[in-house]
Amino acid sequence: MRMMMRVTMPVEAGNKAVKDDLIGKLVQQTSDLTKPEAAYFTPDHGQRTAYFFFEMKDSSQLVTVAEPWFMNLNAKVEFIPAMNREDLKTGMASIKK
């Protein structure tokens, strides 16, 4: 299932992670694990936020993907099912039947 993972980092932990280049390492690790179709980085409500869109093959990925963010940055990590345009088109066609 395609998922959007939103990672929100507390400012102080994020500041330290930038200085230590930890954010770059976590982004690389997450990208290696998930092979995202897209990743975006932006401030959201005054905090550093990362968005990764990837195919979650098994729910056990929740642990391997989220724990480094929890453990290293005390980050808030959310997983939200997401659709692309083709998924939406398929879903809309199924409700018309």
PDB file of N, CA and C in Angstrom:
ATOM      1  N   MET A   1       0.847  -1.173   0.000  1.00  0.00           N
ATOM      2  CA  MET A   1       0.000   0.000   0.000  1.00  0.00           C
ATOM      3  C   MET A   1       0.894   1.238   0.000  1.00  0.00           C
ATOM      4  N   ARG A   2       0.525   2.198  -0.806  1.00  0.00           N
ATOM      5  CA  ARG A   2       1.282   3.454  -0.848  1.00  0.00           C
ATOM      6  C   ARG A   2       1.005   4.224   0.441  1.00  0.00           C
ATOM      7  N   MET A   3       2.069   4.707   1.051  1.00  0.00           N
ATOM      8  CA  MET A   3       1.959   5.453   2.293  1.00  0.00           C
ATOM      9  C   MET A   3       2.673   6.789   2.166  1.00  0.00           C
ATOM     10  N   MET A   4       2.153   7.732   2.916  1.00  0.00           N
ATOM     11  CA  MET A   4       2.875   8.980   3.125  1.00  0.00           C
ATOM     12  C   MET A   4       3.354   8.925   4.563  1.00  0.00           C
ATOM     13  N   MET A   5       4.636   9.088   4.754  1.00  0.00           N
ATOM     14  CA  MET A   5       5.188   9.164   6.093  1.00  0.00           C
ATOM     15  C   MET A   5       5.579  10.616   6.340  1.00  0.00           C
ATOM     16  N   ARG A   6       5.005  11.184   7.395  1.00  0.00           N
ATOM     17  CA  ARG A   6       5.332  12.557   7.768  1.00  0.00           C
ATOM     18  C   ARG A   6       6.153  12.508   9.050  1.00  0.00           C
ATOM     19  N   VAL A   7       7.329  13.099   9.014  1.00  0.00           N
ATOM     20  CA  VAL A   7       8.222  13.145  10.172  1.00  0.00           C
ATOM     21  C   VAL A   7       8.353  14.600  10.589  1.00  0.00           C
ATOM     22  N   THR A   8       7.971  14.895  11.819  1.00  0.00           N
ATOM     23  CA  THR A   8       8.065  16.248  12.354  1.00  0.00           C
ATOM     24  C   THR A   8       9.062  16.238  13.500  1.00  0.00           C
ATOM     25  N   MET A   9      10.061  17.103  13.401  1.00  0.00           N
ATOM     26  CA  MET A   9      11.167  17.114  14.357  1.00  0.00           C
ATOM     27  C   MET A   9      11.073  18.310  15.297  1.00  0.00           C
ATOM     28  N   PRO A  10      11.224  18.090  16.600  1.00  0.00           N
ATOM     29  CA  PRO A  10      11.279  19.215  17.527  1.00  0.00           C
ATOM     30  C   PRO A  10      12.458  20.125  17.169  1.00  0.00           C
ATOM     31  N   VAL A  11      12.299  21.406  17.352  1.00  0.00           N
ATOM     32  CA  VAL A  11      13.304  22.376  16.910  1.00  0.00           C
ATOM     33  C   VAL A  11      14.674  22.126  17.534  1.00  0.00           C
ATOM     34  N   GLU A  12      14.754  21.962  18.838  1.00  0.00           N
ATOM     35  CA  GLU A  12      16.063  21.796  19.479  1.00  0.00           C
ATOM     36  C   GLU A  12      16.763  20.517  19.025  1.00  0.00           C
ATOM     37  N   ALA A  13      16.029  19.414  18.967  1.00  0.00           N
ATOM     38  CA  ALA A  13      16.621  18.154  18.500  1.00  0.00           C
ATOM     39  C   ALA A  13      17.025  18.278  17.030  1.00  0.00           C
ATOM     40  N   GLY A  14      16.205  18.988  16.247  1.00  0.00           N
ATOM     41  CA  GLY A  14      16.528  19.209  14.834  1.00  0.00           C
ATOM     42  C   GLY A  14      17.770  20.058  14.660  1.00  0.00           C
ATOM     43  N   ASN A  15      17.923  21.096  15.486  1.00  0.00           N
ATOM     44  CA  ASN A  15      19.121  21.940  15.413  1.00  0.00           C
ATOM     45  C   ASN A  15      20.386  21.131  15.664  1.00  0.00           C
ATOM     46  N   LYS A  16      20.345  20.303  16.696  1.00  0.00           N
ATOM     47  CA  LYS A  16      21.505  19.469  17.011  1.00  0.00           C
ATOM     48  C   LYS A  16      21.762  18.474  15.880  1.00  0.00           C
ATOM     49  N   ALA A  17      20.697  17.899  15.327  1.00  0.00           N
ATOM     50  CA  ALA A  17      20.840  16.926  14.239  1.00  0.00           C
ATOM     51  C   ALA A  17      21.427  17.559  12.984  1.00  0.00           C
ATOM     52  N   VAL A  18      21.104  18.815  12.724  1.00  0.00           N
ATOM     53  CA  VAL A  18      21.698  19.516  11.579  1.00  0.00           C
ATOM     54  C   VAL A  18      23.191  19.694  11.815  1.00  0.00           C
ATOM     55  N   LYS A  19      23.560  20.157  12.996  1.00  0.00           N
ATOM     56  CA  LYS A  19      24.974  20.365  13.315  1.00  0.00           C
ATOM     57  C   LYS A  19      25.783  19.070  13.236  1.00  0.00           C
ATOM     58  N   ASP A  20      25.166  17.963  13.649  1.00  0.00           N
ATOM     59  CA  ASP A  20      25.846  16.664  13.664  1.00  0.00           C
ATOM     60  C   ASP A  20      25.686  15.894  12.349  1.00  0.00           C
ATOM     61  N   ASP A  21      24.997  16.470  11.363  1.00  0.00           N
ATOM     62  CA  ASP A  21      24.661  15.828  10.088  1.00  0.00           C
ATOM     63  C   ASP A  21      23.849  14.547  10.283  1.00  0.00           C
ATOM     64  N   LEU A  22      23.119  14.466  11.371  1.00  0.00           N
ATOM     65  CA  LEU A  22      22.272  13.307  11.625  1.00  0.00           C
ATOM     66  C   LEU A  22      21.054  13.289  10.698  1.00  0.00           C
ATOM     67  N   ILE A  23      20.500  14.457  10.394  1.00  0.00           N
ATOM     68  CA  ILE A  23      19.326  14.493   9.523  1.00  0.00           C
ATOM     69  C   ILE A  23      19.668  13.891   8.163  1.00  0.00           C
ATOM     70  N   GLY A  24      20.789  14.271   7.612  1.00  0.00           N
ATOM     71  CA  GLY A  24      21.202  13.705   6.324  1.00  0.00           C
ATOM     72  C   GLY A  24      21.323  12.191   6.374  1.00  0.00           C
ATOM     73  N   LYS A  25      21.868  11.678   7.479  1.00  0.00           N
ATOM     74  CA  LYS A  25      22.016  10.231   7.639  1.00  0.00           C
ATOM     75  C   LYS A  25      20.656   9.546   7.768  1.00  0.00           C
ATOM     76  N   LEU A  26      19.742  10.148   8.514  1.00  0.00           N
ATOM     77  CA  LEU A  26      18.407   9.560   8.676  1.00  0.00           C
ATOM     78  C   LEU A  26      17.623   9.596   7.366  1.00  0.00           C
ATOM     79  N   VAL A  27      17.751  10.686   6.620  1.00  0.00           N
ATOM     80  CA  VAL A  27      17.080  10.775   5.317  1.00  0.00           C
ATOM     81  C   VAL A  27      17.627   9.688   4.396  1.00  0.00           C
ATOM     82  N   GLN A  28      18.941   9.513   4.377  1.00  0.00           N
ATOM     83  CA  GLN A  28      19.540   8.477   3.523  1.00  0.00           C
ATOM     84  C   GLN A  28      19.094   7.084   3.953  1.00  0.00           C
ATOM     85  N   GLN A  29      19.103   6.831   5.261  1.00  0.00           N
ATOM     86  CA  GLN A  29      18.682   5.527   5.775  1.00  0.00           C
ATOM     87  C   GLN A  29      17.221   5.244   5.412  1.00  0.00           C
ATOM     88  N   THR A  30      16.354   6.242   5.588  1.00  0.00           N
ATOM     89  CA  THR A  30      14.939   6.082   5.264  1.00  0.00           C
ATOM     90  C   THR A  30      14.757   5.847   3.773  1.00  0.00           C
ATOM     91  N   SER A  31      15.504   6.576   2.962  1.00  0.00           N
ATOM     92  CA  SER A  31      15.422   6.397   1.509  1.00  0.00           C
ATOM     93  C   SER A  31      15.906   5.019   1.091  1.00  0.00           C
ATOM     94  N   ASP A  32      16.972   4.540   1.712  1.00  0.00           N
ATOM     95  CA  ASP A  32      17.480   3.200   1.402  1.00  0.00           C
ATOM     96  C   ASP A  32      16.450   2.125   1.762  1.00  0.00           C
ATOM     97  N   LEU A  33      15.758   2.307   2.894  1.00  0.00           N
ATOM     98  CA  LEU A  33      14.789   1.320   3.354  1.00  0.00           C
ATOM     99  C   LEU A  33      13.493   1.340   2.557  1.00  0.00           C
ATOM    100  N   THR A  34      13.039   2.531   2.175  1.00  0.00           N
ATOM    101  CA  THR A  34      11.711   2.656   1.565  1.00  0.00           C
ATOM    102  C   THR A  34      11.722   2.847   0.053  1.00  0.00           C
ATOM    103  N   LYS A  35      12.844   3.285  -0.488  1.00  0.00           N
ATOM    104  CA  LYS A  35      12.924   3.612  -1.924  1.00  0.00           C
ATOM    105  C   LYS A  35      11.724   4.486  -2.328  1.00  0.00           C
ATOM    106  N   PRO A  36      11.612   5.672  -1.740  1.00  0.00           N
ATOM    107  CA  PRO A  36      10.419   6.500  -1.957  1.00  0.00           C
ATOM    108  C   PRO A  36      10.280   6.958  -3.407  1.00  0.00           C
ATOM    109  N   GLU A  37       9.018   7.069  -3.832  1.00  0.00           N
ATOM    110  CA  GLU A  37       8.770   7.636  -5.160  1.00  0.00           C
ATOM    111  C   GLU A  37       8.929   9.145  -5.124  1.00  0.00           C
ATOM    112  N   ALA A  38       8.816   9.715  -3.922  1.00  0.00           N
ATOM    113  CA  ALA A  38       9.055  11.154  -3.742  1.00  0.00           C
ATOM    114  C   ALA A  38       9.376  11.413  -2.279  1.00  0.00           C
ATOM    115  N   ALA A  39      10.161  12.452  -2.032  1.00  0.00           N
ATOM    116  CA  ALA A  39      10.461  12.901  -0.674  1.00  0.00           C
ATOM    117  C   ALA A  39      10.535  14.427  -0.718  1.00  0.00           C
ATOM    118  N   TYR A  40       9.894  15.058   0.258  1.00  0.00           N
ATOM    119  CA  TYR A  40       9.856  16.516   0.328  1.00  0.00           C
ATOM    120  C   TYR A  40      10.216  16.954   1.739  1.00  0.00           C
ATOM    121  N   PHE A  41      10.815  18.135   1.838  1.00  0.00           N
ATOM    122  CA  PHE A  41      11.280  18.661   3.122  1.00  0.00           C
ATOM    123  C   PHE A  41      10.846  20.111   3.210  1.00  0.00           C
ATOM    124  N   THR A  42      10.180  20.454   4.315  1.00  0.00           N
ATOM    125  CA  THR A  42       9.623  21.793   4.449  1.00  0.00           C
ATOM    126  C   THR A  42       9.404  22.134   5.918  1.00  0.00           C
ATOM    127  N   PRO A  43       9.395  23.417   6.268  1.00  0.00           N
ATOM    128  CA  PRO A  43       8.952  23.756   7.614  1.00  0.00           C
ATOM    129  C   PRO A  43       7.423  23.638   7.665  1.00  0.00           C
ATOM    130  N   ASP A  44       6.905  23.078   8.736  1.00  0.00           N
ATOM    131  CA  ASP A  44       5.460  22.953   8.915  1.00  0.00           C
ATOM    132  C   ASP A  44       5.157  23.281  10.378  1.00  0.00           C
ATOM    133  N   HIS A  45       4.348  24.293  10.597  1.00  0.00           N
ATOM    134  CA  HIS A  45       4.032  24.760  11.942  1.00  0.00           C
ATOM    135  C   HIS A  45       5.306  25.035  12.742  1.00  0.00           C
ATOM    136  N   GLY A  46       6.304  25.600  12.080  1.00  0.00           N
ATOM    137  CA  GLY A  46       7.528  26.017  12.749  1.00  0.00           C
ATOM    138  C   GLY A  46       8.512  24.899  13.057  1.00  0.00           C
ATOM    139  N   GLN A  47       8.287  23.708  12.501  1.00  0.00           N
ATOM    140  CA  GLN A  47       9.202  22.597  12.756  1.00  0.00           C
ATOM    141  C   GLN A  47       9.653  21.983  11.436  1.00  0.00           C
ATOM    142  N   ARG A  48      10.877  21.459  11.427  1.00  0.00           N
ATOM    143  CA  ARG A  48      11.361  20.744  10.248  1.00  0.00           C
ATOM    144  C   ARG A  48      10.464  19.531  10.019  1.00  0.00           C
ATOM    145  N   THR A  49      10.062  19.349   8.780  1.00  0.00           N
ATOM    146  CA  THR A  49       9.160  18.244   8.452  1.00  0.00           C
ATOM    147  C   THR A  49       9.615  17.588   7.158  1.00  0.00           C
ATOM    148  N   ALA A  50       9.577  16.266   7.166  1.00  0.00           N
ATOM    149  CA  ALA A  50       9.917  15.479   5.978  1.00  0.00           C
ATOM    150  C   ALA A  50       8.702  14.647   5.587  1.00  0.00           C
ATOM    151  N   TYR A  51       8.473  14.547   4.290  1.00  0.00           N
ATOM    152  CA  TYR A  51       7.395  13.720   3.748  1.00  0.00           C
ATOM    153  C   TYR A  51       8.016  12.701   2.802  1.00  0.00           C
ATOM    154  N   PHE A  52       7.753  11.430   3.051  1.00  0.00           N
ATOM    155  CA  PHE A  52       8.222  10.353   2.183  1.00  0.00           C
ATOM    156  C   PHE A  52       7.001   9.612   1.649  1.00  0.00           C
ATOM    157  N   PHE A  53       6.956   9.400   0.349  1.00  0.00           N
ATOM    158  CA  PHE A  53       5.876   8.638  -0.284  1.00  0.00           C
ATOM    159  C   PHE A  53       6.487   7.345  -0.800  1.00  0.00           C
ATOM    160  N   PHE A  54       5.991   6.213  -0.289  1.00  0.00           N
ATOM    161  CA  PHE A  54       6.594   4.933  -0.650  1.00  0.00           C
ATOM    162  C   PHE A  54       5.574   3.806  -0.565  1.00  0.00           C
ATOM    163  N   GLU A  55       5.933   2.691  -1.146  1.00  0.00           N
ATOM    164  CA  GLU A  55       5.089   1.496  -1.125  1.00  0.00           C
ATOM    165  C   GLU A  55       5.453   0.687   0.120  1.00  0.00           C
ATOM    166  N   MET A  56       4.498   0.569   1.052  1.00  0.00           N
ATOM    167  CA  MET A  56       4.727  -0.237   2.245  1.00  0.00           C
ATOM    168  C   MET A  56       4.308  -1.669   1.936  1.00  0.00           C
ATOM    169  N   LYS A  57       5.281  -2.552   1.948  1.00  0.00           N
ATOM    170  CA  LYS A  57       5.033  -3.937   1.581  1.00  0.00           C
ATOM    171  C   LYS A  57       4.492  -4.752   2.751  1.00  0.00           C
ATOM    172  N   ASP A  58       4.854  -4.380   3.970  1.00  0.00           N
ATOM    173  CA  ASP A  58       4.452  -5.124   5.155  1.00  0.00           C
ATOM    174  C   ASP A  58       4.398  -4.156   6.338  1.00  0.00           C
ATOM    175  N   SER A  59       3.445  -4.363   7.220  1.00  0.00           N
ATOM    176  CA  SER A  59       3.295  -3.438   8.350  1.00  0.00           C
ATOM    177  C   SER A  59       4.504  -3.451   9.285  1.00  0.00           C
ATOM    178  N   SER A  60       5.325  -4.493   9.231  1.00  0.00           N
ATOM    179  CA  SER A  60       6.525  -4.517  10.069  1.00  0.00           C
ATOM    180  C   SER A  60       7.501  -3.402   9.691  1.00  0.00           C
ATOM    181  N   GLN A  61       7.355  -2.837   8.485  1.00  0.00           N
ATOM    182  CA  GLN A  61       8.197  -1.715   8.080  1.00  0.00           C
ATOM    183  C   GLN A  61       7.987  -0.499   8.978  1.00  0.00           C
ATOM    184  N   LEU A  62       6.835  -0.424   9.631  1.00  0.00           N
ATOM    185  CA  LEU A  62       6.586   0.701  10.528  1.00  0.00           C
ATOM    186  C   LEU A  62       7.718   0.832  11.542  1.00  0.00           C
ATOM    187  N   VAL A  63       8.149  -0.273  12.079  1.00  0.00           N
ATOM    188  CA  VAL A  63       9.196  -0.263  13.109  1.00  0.00           C
ATOM    189  C   VAL A  63      10.531   0.165  12.517  1.00  0.00           C
ATOM    190  N   THR A  64      10.951  -0.496  11.445  1.00  0.00           N
ATOM    191  CA  THR A  64      12.288  -0.226  10.907  1.00  0.00           C
ATOM    192  C   THR A  64      12.422   1.181  10.346  1.00  0.00           C
ATOM    193  N   VAL A  65      11.329   1.725   9.858  1.00  0.00           N
ATOM    194  CA  VAL A  65      11.379   3.063   9.264  1.00  0.00           C
ATOM    195  C   VAL A  65      11.218   4.158  10.319  1.00  0.00           C
ATOM    196  N   ALA A  66      10.334   3.969  11.271  1.00  0.00           N
ATOM    197  CA  ALA A  66      10.029   5.032  12.240  1.00  0.00           C
ATOM    198  C   ALA A  66      11.000   5.098  13.411  1.00  0.00           C
ATOM    199  N   GLU A  67      11.460   3.955  13.910  1.00  0.00           N
ATOM    200  CA  GLU A  67      12.260   3.949  15.137  1.00  0.00           C
ATOM    201  C   GLU A  67      13.502   4.843  15.090  1.00  0.00           C
ATOM    202  N   PRO A  68      14.258   4.873  13.985  1.00  0.00           N
ATOM    203  CA  PRO A  68      15.423   5.775  13.981  1.00  0.00           C
ATOM    204  C   PRO A  68      15.039   7.239  14.220  1.00  0.00           C
ATOM    205  N   TRP A  69      13.898   7.656  13.708  1.00  0.00           N
ATOM    206  CA  TRP A  69      13.438   9.036  13.916  1.00  0.00           C
ATOM    207  C   TRP A  69      13.007   9.252  15.359  1.00  0.00           C
ATOM    208  N   PHE A  70      12.267   8.266  15.902  1.00  0.00           N
ATOM    209  CA  PHE A  70      11.856   8.361  17.310  1.00  0.00           C
ATOM    210  C   PHE A  70      13.071   8.406  18.225  1.00  0.00           C
ATOM    211  N   MET A  71      13.964   7.458  18.047  1.00  0.00           N
ATOM    212  CA  MET A  71      15.101   7.280  18.957  1.00  0.00           C
ATOM    213  C   MET A  71      16.121   8.419  18.880  1.00  0.00           C
ATOM    214  N   ASN A  72      16.381   8.921  17.682  1.00  0.00           N
ATOM    215  CA  ASN A  72      17.431   9.925  17.505  1.00  0.00           C
ATOM    216  C   ASN A  72      16.954  11.365  17.633  1.00  0.00           C
ATOM    217  N   LEU A  73      15.686  11.623  17.310  1.00  0.00           N
ATOM    218  CA  LEU A  73      15.221  13.011  17.289  1.00  0.00           C
ATOM    219  C   LEU A  73      13.964  13.271  18.109  1.00  0.00           C
ATOM    220  N   ASN A  74      13.451  12.226  18.758  1.00  0.00           N
ATOM    221  CA  ASN A  74      12.179  12.390  19.466  1.00  0.00           C
ATOM    222  C   ASN A  74      11.121  12.961  18.516  1.00  0.00           C
ATOM    223  N   ALA A  75      11.184  12.510  17.269  1.00  0.00           N
ATOM    224  CA  ALA A  75      10.300  13.035  16.225  1.00  0.00           C
ATOM    225  C   ALA A  75       8.904  12.436  16.323  1.00  0.00           C
ATOM    226  N   LYS A  76       7.959  13.155  15.790  1.00  0.00           N
ATOM    227  CA  LYS A  76       6.595  12.656  15.608  1.00  0.00           C
ATOM    228  C   LYS A  76       6.572  12.030  14.216  1.00  0.00           C
ATOM    229  N   VAL A  77       6.173  10.758  14.119  1.00  0.00           N
ATOM    230  CA  VAL A  77       6.147  10.057  12.842  1.00  0.00           C
ATOM    231  C   VAL A  77       4.729   9.553  12.600  1.00  0.00           C
ATOM    232  N   GLU A  78       4.169   9.921  11.458  1.00  0.00           N
ATOM    233  CA  GLU A  78       2.808   9.520  11.105  1.00  0.00           C
ATOM    234  C   GLU A  78       2.827   8.796   9.764  1.00  0.00           C
ATOM    235  N   PHE A  79       2.018   7.753   9.656  1.00  0.00           N
ATOM    236  CA  PHE A  79       1.854   7.017   8.407  1.00  0.00           C
ATOM    237  C   PHE A  79       0.412   7.182   7.950  1.00  0.00           C
ATOM    238  N   ILE A  80       0.251   7.652   6.711  1.00  0.00           N
ATOM    239  CA  ILE A  80      -1.080   7.944   6.176  1.00  0.00           C
ATOM    240  C   ILE A  80      -1.202   7.278   4.813  1.00  0.00           C
ATOM    241  N   PRO A  81      -2.219   6.414   4.620  1.00  0.00           N
ATOM    242  CA  PRO A  81      -2.404   5.832   3.292  1.00  0.00           C
ATOM    243  C   PRO A  81      -2.582   6.949   2.265  1.00  0.00           C
ATOM    244  N   ALA A  82      -2.014   6.755   1.093  1.00  0.00           N
ATOM    245  CA  ALA A  82      -2.076   7.785   0.052  1.00  0.00           C
ATOM    246  C   ALA A  82      -2.324   7.137  -1.302  1.00  0.00           C
ATOM    247  N   MET A  83      -2.909   7.908  -2.199  1.00  0.00           N
ATOM    248  CA  MET A  83      -3.167   7.444  -3.564  1.00  0.00           C
ATOM    249  C   MET A  83      -2.508   8.391  -4.552  1.00  0.00           C
ATOM    250  N   ASN A  84      -2.107   7.838  -5.672  1.00  0.00           N
ATOM    251  CA  ASN A  84      -1.719   8.691  -6.788  1.00  0.00           C
ATOM    252  C   ASN A  84      -2.932   8.833  -7.703  1.00  0.00           C
ATOM    253  N   ARG A  85      -2.755   9.504  -8.797  1.00  0.00           N
ATOM    254  CA  ARG A  85      -3.882   9.764  -9.700  1.00  0.00           C
ATOM    255  C   ARG A  85      -4.504   8.467 -10.231  1.00  0.00           C
ATOM    256  N   GLU A  86      -3.656   7.509 -10.581  1.00  0.00           N
ATOM    257  CA  GLU A  86      -4.158   6.229 -11.103  1.00  0.00           C
ATOM    258  C   GLU A  86      -4.937   5.459 -10.035  1.00  0.00           C
ATOM    259  N   ASP A  87      -4.453   5.482  -8.803  1.00  0.00           N
ATOM    260  CA  ASP A  87      -5.167   4.813  -7.711  1.00  0.00           C
ATOM    261  C   ASP A  87      -6.551   5.433  -7.520  1.00  0.00           C
ATOM    262  N   LEU A  88      -6.610   6.744  -7.552  1.00  0.00           N
ATOM    263  CA  LEU A  88      -7.885   7.439  -7.392  1.00  0.00           C
ATOM    264  C   LEU A  88      -8.833   7.071  -8.527  1.00  0.00           C
ATOM    265  N   LYS A  89      -8.316   7.043  -9.742  1.00  0.00           N
ATOM    266  CA  LYS A  89      -9.114   6.699 -10.909  1.00  0.00           C
ATOM    267  C   LYS A  89      -9.696   5.276 -10.757  1.00  0.00           C
ATOM    268  N   THR A  90      -8.871   4.347 -10.323  1.00  0.00           N
ATOM    269  CA  THR A  90      -9.327   2.969 -10.124  1.00  0.00           C
ATOM    270  C   THR A  90     -10.393   2.902  -9.041  1.00  0.00           C
ATOM    271  N   GLY A  91     -10.166   3.598  -7.934  1.00  0.00           N
ATOM    272  CA  GLY A  91     -11.124   3.620  -6.855  1.00  0.00           C
ATOM    273  C   GLY A  91     -12.446   4.236  -7.275  1.00  0.00           C
ATOM    274  N   MET A  92     -12.394   5.327  -8.002  1.00  0.00           N
ATOM    275  CA  MET A  92     -13.631   5.979  -8.453  1.00  0.00           C
ATOM    276  C   MET A  92     -14.398   5.078  -9.419  1.00  0.00           C
ATOM    277  N   ALA A  93     -13.701   4.353 -10.263  1.00  0.00           N
ATOM    278  CA  ALA A  93     -14.361   3.447 -11.193  1.00  0.00           C
ATOM    279  C   ALA A  93     -15.077   2.331 -10.446  1.00  0.00           C
ATOM    280  N   SER A  94     -14.521   1.882  -9.340  1.00  0.00           N
ATOM    281  CA  SER A  94     -15.132   0.778  -8.605  1.00  0.00           C
ATOM    282  C   SER A  94     -16.418   1.185  -7.900  1.00  0.00           C
ATOM    283  N   ILE A  95     -16.578   2.457  -7.545  1.00  0.00           N
ATOM    284  CA  ILE A  95     -17.822   2.864  -6.875  1.00  0.00           C
ATOM    285  C   ILE A  95     -18.937   3.118  -7.870  1.00  0.00           C
ATOM    286  N   LYS A  96     -18.605   3.233  -9.140  1.00  0.00           N
ATOM    287  CA  LYS A  96     -19.612   3.458 -10.173  1.00  0.00           C
ATOM    288  C   LYS A  96     -20.287   2.161 -10.594  1.00  0.00           C
ATOM    289  N   LYS A  97     -19.715   1.031 -10.192  1.00  0.00           N
ATOM    290  CA  LYS A  97     -20.251  -0.284 -10.607  1.00  0.00           C
ATOM    291  C   LYS A  97     -21.412  -0.703  -9.748  1.00  0.00           C
TER     292      LYS A  97
END
